[in-house]
């Protein structure tokens, strides 16, 4: 076995055993004596081409690095190991995620201005718990509202290397990787039909033409999972990471 072939087998073993995507600067550390970074990059491209011809798995590059994963057409077989039907969710979560993804960084007030309704704190918490959204700072306006942006994990789950590769907005809510834990509903209070002072101040500063409409029941943000005609449900991811 020549040196380059051996190096590819090393890369193969390293990536197949990795639990998370590995960045190039970490991958090069496995070689002693060192192998130039550009050579490792070319070897990864060659290895990816080799695996592309196989029927079950592929080597891809995502935001956090390189990883092996099962191909989408294998998902139907993998699902038989976990036959539970994934839960379905309303458009409220998808709309919030889409606004953050395409308008980031965005404040809660800006999200509400676009959606036209108040954003449940449970929605933002669910996106943060899933690892798709994070707070990256605070806007320099009264109240210093948090600025939300998507994470590398969000890009990884969509098999993307950067935000520039985001699909057209119309395709985002149909992406098979977008599944999140069920979002609990917030309790409904008699005095809930108001916006707190911080959000109202933010809207005045941001120049939004109208304050968001706050539904009398926050639960109204969530549609029934099995509502007839619902086509926006989030579904099971189509690919699995190979460990």
Protein backbone atom coordinates (compact mmCIF):
# COMPACT_ATOMS: atom_id res chain seq x y z
CA UNK A 1 0.00 0.00 0.00
CA UNK A 2 1.51 3.34 -1.06
CA UNK A 3 1.67 6.34 1.28
CA UNK A 4 -1.28 8.22 -0.23
CA UNK A 5 -3.54 5.17 -0.11
CA UNK A 6 -2.51 4.55 3.50
CA UNK A 7 -3.26 8.20 4.33
CA UNK A 8 -6.76 7.84 2.87
CA UNK A 9 -7.38 4.73 4.96
CA UNK A 10 -6.31 6.69 8.05
CA UNK A 11 -8.70 9.52 7.18
CA UNK A 12 -11.45 6.98 6.58
CA UNK A 13 -10.94 5.40 10.01
CA UNK A 14 -10.77 8.75 11.78
CA UNK A 15 -13.97 10.08 10.22
CA UNK A 16 -15.93 6.84 10.57
CA UNK A 17 -15.15 6.78 14.29
CA UNK A 18 -15.90 10.46 14.91
CA UNK A 19 -19.16 11.34 16.65
CA UNK A 20 -19.21 14.89 15.31
CA UNK A 21 -17.99 16.56 12.09
CA UNK A 22 -14.23 17.15 12.21
CA UNK A 23 -12.70 20.41 10.94
CA UNK A 24 -9.71 20.20 8.65
CA UNK A 25 -7.37 21.72 11.23
CA UNK A 26 -8.18 18.83 13.58
CA UNK A 27 -7.94 16.12 10.94
CA UNK A 28 -4.37 17.04 9.96
CA UNK A 29 -3.24 16.34 13.54
CA UNK A 30 -3.57 12.58 13.04
CA UNK A 31 -0.50 12.41 10.82
CA UNK A 32 3.04 12.07 12.16
CA UNK A 33 5.15 13.12 10.39
CA UNK A 34 2.80 15.95 9.36
CA UNK A 35 1.05 15.97 6.00
CA UNK A 36 0.45 19.38 4.36
CA UNK A 37 -3.07 20.71 4.89
CA UNK A 38 -3.71 21.09 1.17
CA UNK A 39 -2.67 17.47 0.60
CA UNK A 40 -5.15 16.33 3.27
CA UNK A 41 -7.86 18.42 1.61
CA UNK A 42 -7.18 16.71 -1.72
CA UNK A 43 -7.15 13.28 -0.07
CA UNK A 44 -10.54 14.03 1.50
CA UNK A 45 -11.92 15.01 -1.91
CA UNK A 46 -10.57 11.76 -3.37
CA UNK A 47 -12.01 9.75 -0.49
CA UNK A 48 -15.37 11.45 -0.96
CA UNK A 49 -15.35 10.50 -4.64
CA UNK A 50 -14.65 6.87 -3.71
CA UNK A 51 -17.56 6.72 -1.28
CA UNK A 52 -19.88 8.47 -3.70
CA UNK A 53 -19.90 5.29 -5.77
CA UNK A 54 -21.10 3.24 -2.81
CA UNK A 55 -24.80 2.72 -2.22
CA UNK A 56 -25.19 3.38 1.48
CA UNK A 57 -22.92 6.12 2.87
CA UNK A 58 -21.19 9.30 1.75
CA UNK A 59 -18.52 11.70 2.96
CA UNK A 60 -19.70 15.30 3.05
CA UNK A 61 -18.45 18.65 4.29
CA UNK A 62 -20.71 20.71 6.55
CA UNK A 63 -20.23 23.89 8.56
CA UNK A 64 -18.31 22.17 11.37
CA UNK A 65 -16.13 19.97 9.17
CA UNK A 66 -16.20 16.58 7.44
CA UNK A 67 -18.38 13.60 8.35
CA UNK A 68 -19.70 10.31 7.01
CA UNK A 69 -23.46 9.86 6.91
CA UNK A 70 -25.98 7.48 5.42
CA UNK A 71 -27.51 8.46 2.10
CA UNK A 72 -31.07 9.78 2.02
CA UNK A 73 -32.41 6.78 0.11
CA UNK A 74 -31.39 4.53 3.02
CA UNK A 75 -33.63 6.35 5.50
CA UNK A 76 -36.70 4.23 4.79
CA UNK A 77 -34.76 1.16 5.91
CA UNK A 78 -33.30 2.85 8.99
CA UNK A 79 -36.77 4.01 10.01
CA UNK A 80 -37.79 0.38 10.49
CA UNK A 81 -35.45 0.27 13.49
CA UNK A 82 -37.37 3.18 15.03
CA UNK A 83 -40.97 2.85 13.78
CA UNK A 84 -42.37 5.59 16.04
CA UNK A 85 -44.14 8.24 14.02
CA UNK A 86 -42.38 11.59 14.56
CA UNK A 87 -44.53 14.37 16.06
CA UNK A 88 -45.84 17.20 13.91
CA UNK A 89 -45.64 20.90 14.71
CA UNK A 90 -47.22 24.17 13.67
CA UNK A 91 -45.96 26.85 11.33
CA UNK A 92 -45.12 29.11 14.29
CA UNK A 93 -41.80 27.37 14.93
CA UNK A 94 -40.89 27.16 11.24
CA UNK A 95 -41.72 30.82 10.63
CA UNK A 96 -39.62 31.92 13.59
CA UNK A 97 -36.68 29.77 12.47
CA UNK A 98 -36.96 31.00 8.88
CA UNK A 99 -36.99 34.66 9.93
CA UNK A 100 -33.89 34.19 12.06
CA UNK A 101 -32.12 32.20 9.34
CA UNK A 102 -32.76 34.69 6.53
CA UNK A 103 -32.76 37.97 8.49
CA UNK A 104 -30.14 37.29 11.15
CA UNK A 105 -29.23 38.72 13.48
CA UNK A 106 -32.81 39.45 14.53
CA UNK A 107 -34.43 40.57 17.75
CA UNK A 108 -37.61 39.09 19.15
CA UNK A 109 -39.38 42.34 18.31
CA UNK A 110 -38.26 42.16 14.68
CA UNK A 111 -39.48 38.57 14.45
CA UNK A 112 -42.84 39.61 15.88
CA UNK A 113 -43.10 42.54 13.46
CA UNK A 114 -42.68 40.20 10.50
CA UNK A 115 -44.98 37.46 11.83
CA UNK A 116 -47.63 39.89 13.06
CA UNK A 117 -48.10 38.06 16.36
CA UNK A 118 -46.16 37.86 19.61
CA UNK A 119 -43.52 35.13 19.66
CA UNK A 120 -43.88 32.61 22.46
CA UNK A 121 -40.77 32.33 24.60
CA UNK A 122 -41.20 28.56 24.39
CA UNK A 123 -40.58 28.70 20.65
CA UNK A 124 -37.26 30.48 21.05
CA UNK A 125 -36.28 28.20 23.92
CA UNK A 126 -37.06 25.10 21.84
CA UNK A 127 -34.89 26.38 18.99
CA UNK A 128 -32.08 27.15 21.44
CA UNK A 129 -32.40 23.75 23.14
CA UNK A 130 -32.26 22.06 19.74
CA UNK A 131 -28.99 23.87 19.06
CA UNK A 132 -30.24 25.72 15.99
CA UNK A 133 -30.46 29.24 17.43
CA UNK A 134 -28.31 31.19 19.87
CA UNK A 135 -27.98 34.67 21.29
CA UNK A 136 -24.95 36.40 19.76
CA UNK A 137 -25.29 39.79 21.43
CA UNK A 138 -27.68 42.61 22.21
CA UNK A 139 -28.97 45.40 20.02
CA UNK A 140 -27.85 48.90 21.00
CA UNK A 141 -31.37 50.21 21.57
CA UNK A 142 -33.40 50.87 24.75
CA UNK A 143 -33.88 47.62 26.59
CA UNK A 144 -30.91 46.06 24.73
CA UNK A 145 -32.96 43.21 23.20
CA UNK A 146 -31.16 39.95 22.45
CA UNK A 147 -29.96 39.29 18.90
CA UNK A 148 -30.68 35.79 17.63
CA UNK A 149 -28.77 33.94 14.91
CA UNK A 150 -28.49 30.37 13.67
CA UNK A 151 -25.67 28.05 14.73
CA UNK A 152 -23.22 25.72 13.01
CA UNK A 153 -25.37 22.85 14.26
CA UNK A 154 -28.29 24.23 12.23
CA UNK A 155 -26.11 24.22 9.10
CA UNK A 156 -24.78 20.75 9.93
CA UNK A 157 -28.30 19.35 10.20
CA UNK A 158 -29.15 20.79 6.79
CA UNK A 159 -25.88 19.44 5.30
CA UNK A 160 -24.71 22.97 4.53
CA UNK A 161 -21.24 24.49 4.76
CA UNK A 162 -22.33 28.12 5.12
CA UNK A 163 -25.35 30.42 5.16
CA UNK A 164 -24.70 31.17 1.50
CA UNK A 165 -25.92 27.64 0.74
CA UNK A 166 -29.31 28.10 2.40
CA UNK A 167 -32.08 26.89 0.07
CA UNK A 168 -34.81 29.22 -1.22
CA UNK A 169 -37.15 30.16 1.60
CA UNK A 170 -40.03 28.21 0.07
CA UNK A 171 -38.01 24.98 0.39
CA UNK A 172 -36.91 25.43 3.99
CA UNK A 173 -40.02 24.17 5.77
CA UNK A 174 -40.01 21.03 3.60
CA UNK A 175 -36.44 20.12 4.51
CA UNK A 176 -36.40 16.60 6.04
CA UNK A 177 -33.76 17.48 8.65
CA UNK A 178 -35.95 20.02 10.44
CA UNK A 179 -37.35 18.15 13.42
CA UNK A 180 -37.45 19.63 16.91
CA UNK A 181 -38.77 18.49 20.28
CA UNK A 182 -42.40 19.30 21.02
CA UNK A 183 -42.87 22.87 22.24
CA UNK A 184 -44.98 23.16 25.41
CA UNK A 185 -47.70 25.76 25.43
CA UNK A 186 -47.46 28.74 27.74
CA UNK A 187 -50.29 29.28 30.26
CA UNK A 188 -52.97 31.74 29.26
CA UNK A 189 -53.64 34.64 31.63
CA UNK A 190 -56.57 37.11 31.59
CA UNK A 191 -54.20 40.07 31.21
CA UNK A 192 -52.15 38.49 28.42
CA UNK A 193 -53.48 40.85 25.74
CA UNK A 194 -50.65 43.31 26.09
CA UNK A 195 -47.02 43.65 25.06
CA UNK A 196 -44.47 44.28 27.76
CA UNK A 197 -42.81 47.67 27.96
CA UNK A 198 -39.47 46.46 26.65
CA UNK A 199 -40.95 45.03 23.47
CA UNK A 200 -43.09 48.13 22.92
CA UNK A 201 -40.03 50.37 23.29
CA UNK A 202 -38.11 48.23 20.85
CA UNK A 203 -40.83 48.56 18.24
CA UNK A 204 -40.82 52.33 18.61
CA UNK A 205 -37.08 52.46 18.10
CA UNK A 206 -37.00 49.95 15.27
CA UNK A 207 -39.66 51.90 13.43
CA UNK A 208 -42.05 49.03 12.88
CA UNK A 209 -45.34 50.42 11.50
CA UNK A 210 -47.57 48.37 13.80
CA UNK A 211 -47.11 46.53 17.06
CA UNK A 212 -47.59 42.77 16.70
CA UNK A 213 -51.01 41.35 17.34
CA UNK A 214 -51.00 39.27 20.50
CA UNK A 215 -53.41 36.39 20.34
CA UNK A 216 -55.58 36.05 23.43
CA UNK A 217 -54.28 32.52 23.79
CA UNK A 218 -50.61 31.90 23.24
CA UNK A 219 -51.63 28.35 22.46
CA UNK A 220 -53.07 29.72 19.22
CA UNK A 221 -49.54 29.82 17.86
CA UNK A 222 -49.59 26.06 17.77
CA UNK A 223 -51.81 24.25 15.32
CA UNK A 224 -53.09 20.77 16.02
CA UNK A 225 -50.56 18.19 14.93
CA UNK A 226 -53.09 16.16 13.00
CA UNK A 227 -55.16 19.02 11.63
CA UNK A 228 -56.73 18.13 8.25
CA UNK A 229 -54.88 19.53 5.29
CA UNK A 230 -51.73 20.29 7.28
CA UNK A 231 -48.71 20.07 4.98
CA UNK A 232 -46.09 21.94 6.96
CA UNK A 233 -45.26 19.27 9.51
CA UNK A 234 -41.66 18.78 10.46
CA UNK A 235 -40.55 15.26 9.71
CA UNK A 236 -37.83 12.79 10.60
CA UNK A 237 -34.30 13.61 9.36
CA UNK A 238 -33.48 11.88 6.10
CA UNK A 239 -29.90 11.00 6.91
CA UNK A 240 -28.02 9.57 9.83
CA UNK A 241 -24.48 10.21 10.90
CA UNK A 242 -22.21 7.19 10.70
CA UNK A 243 -20.33 6.41 13.93
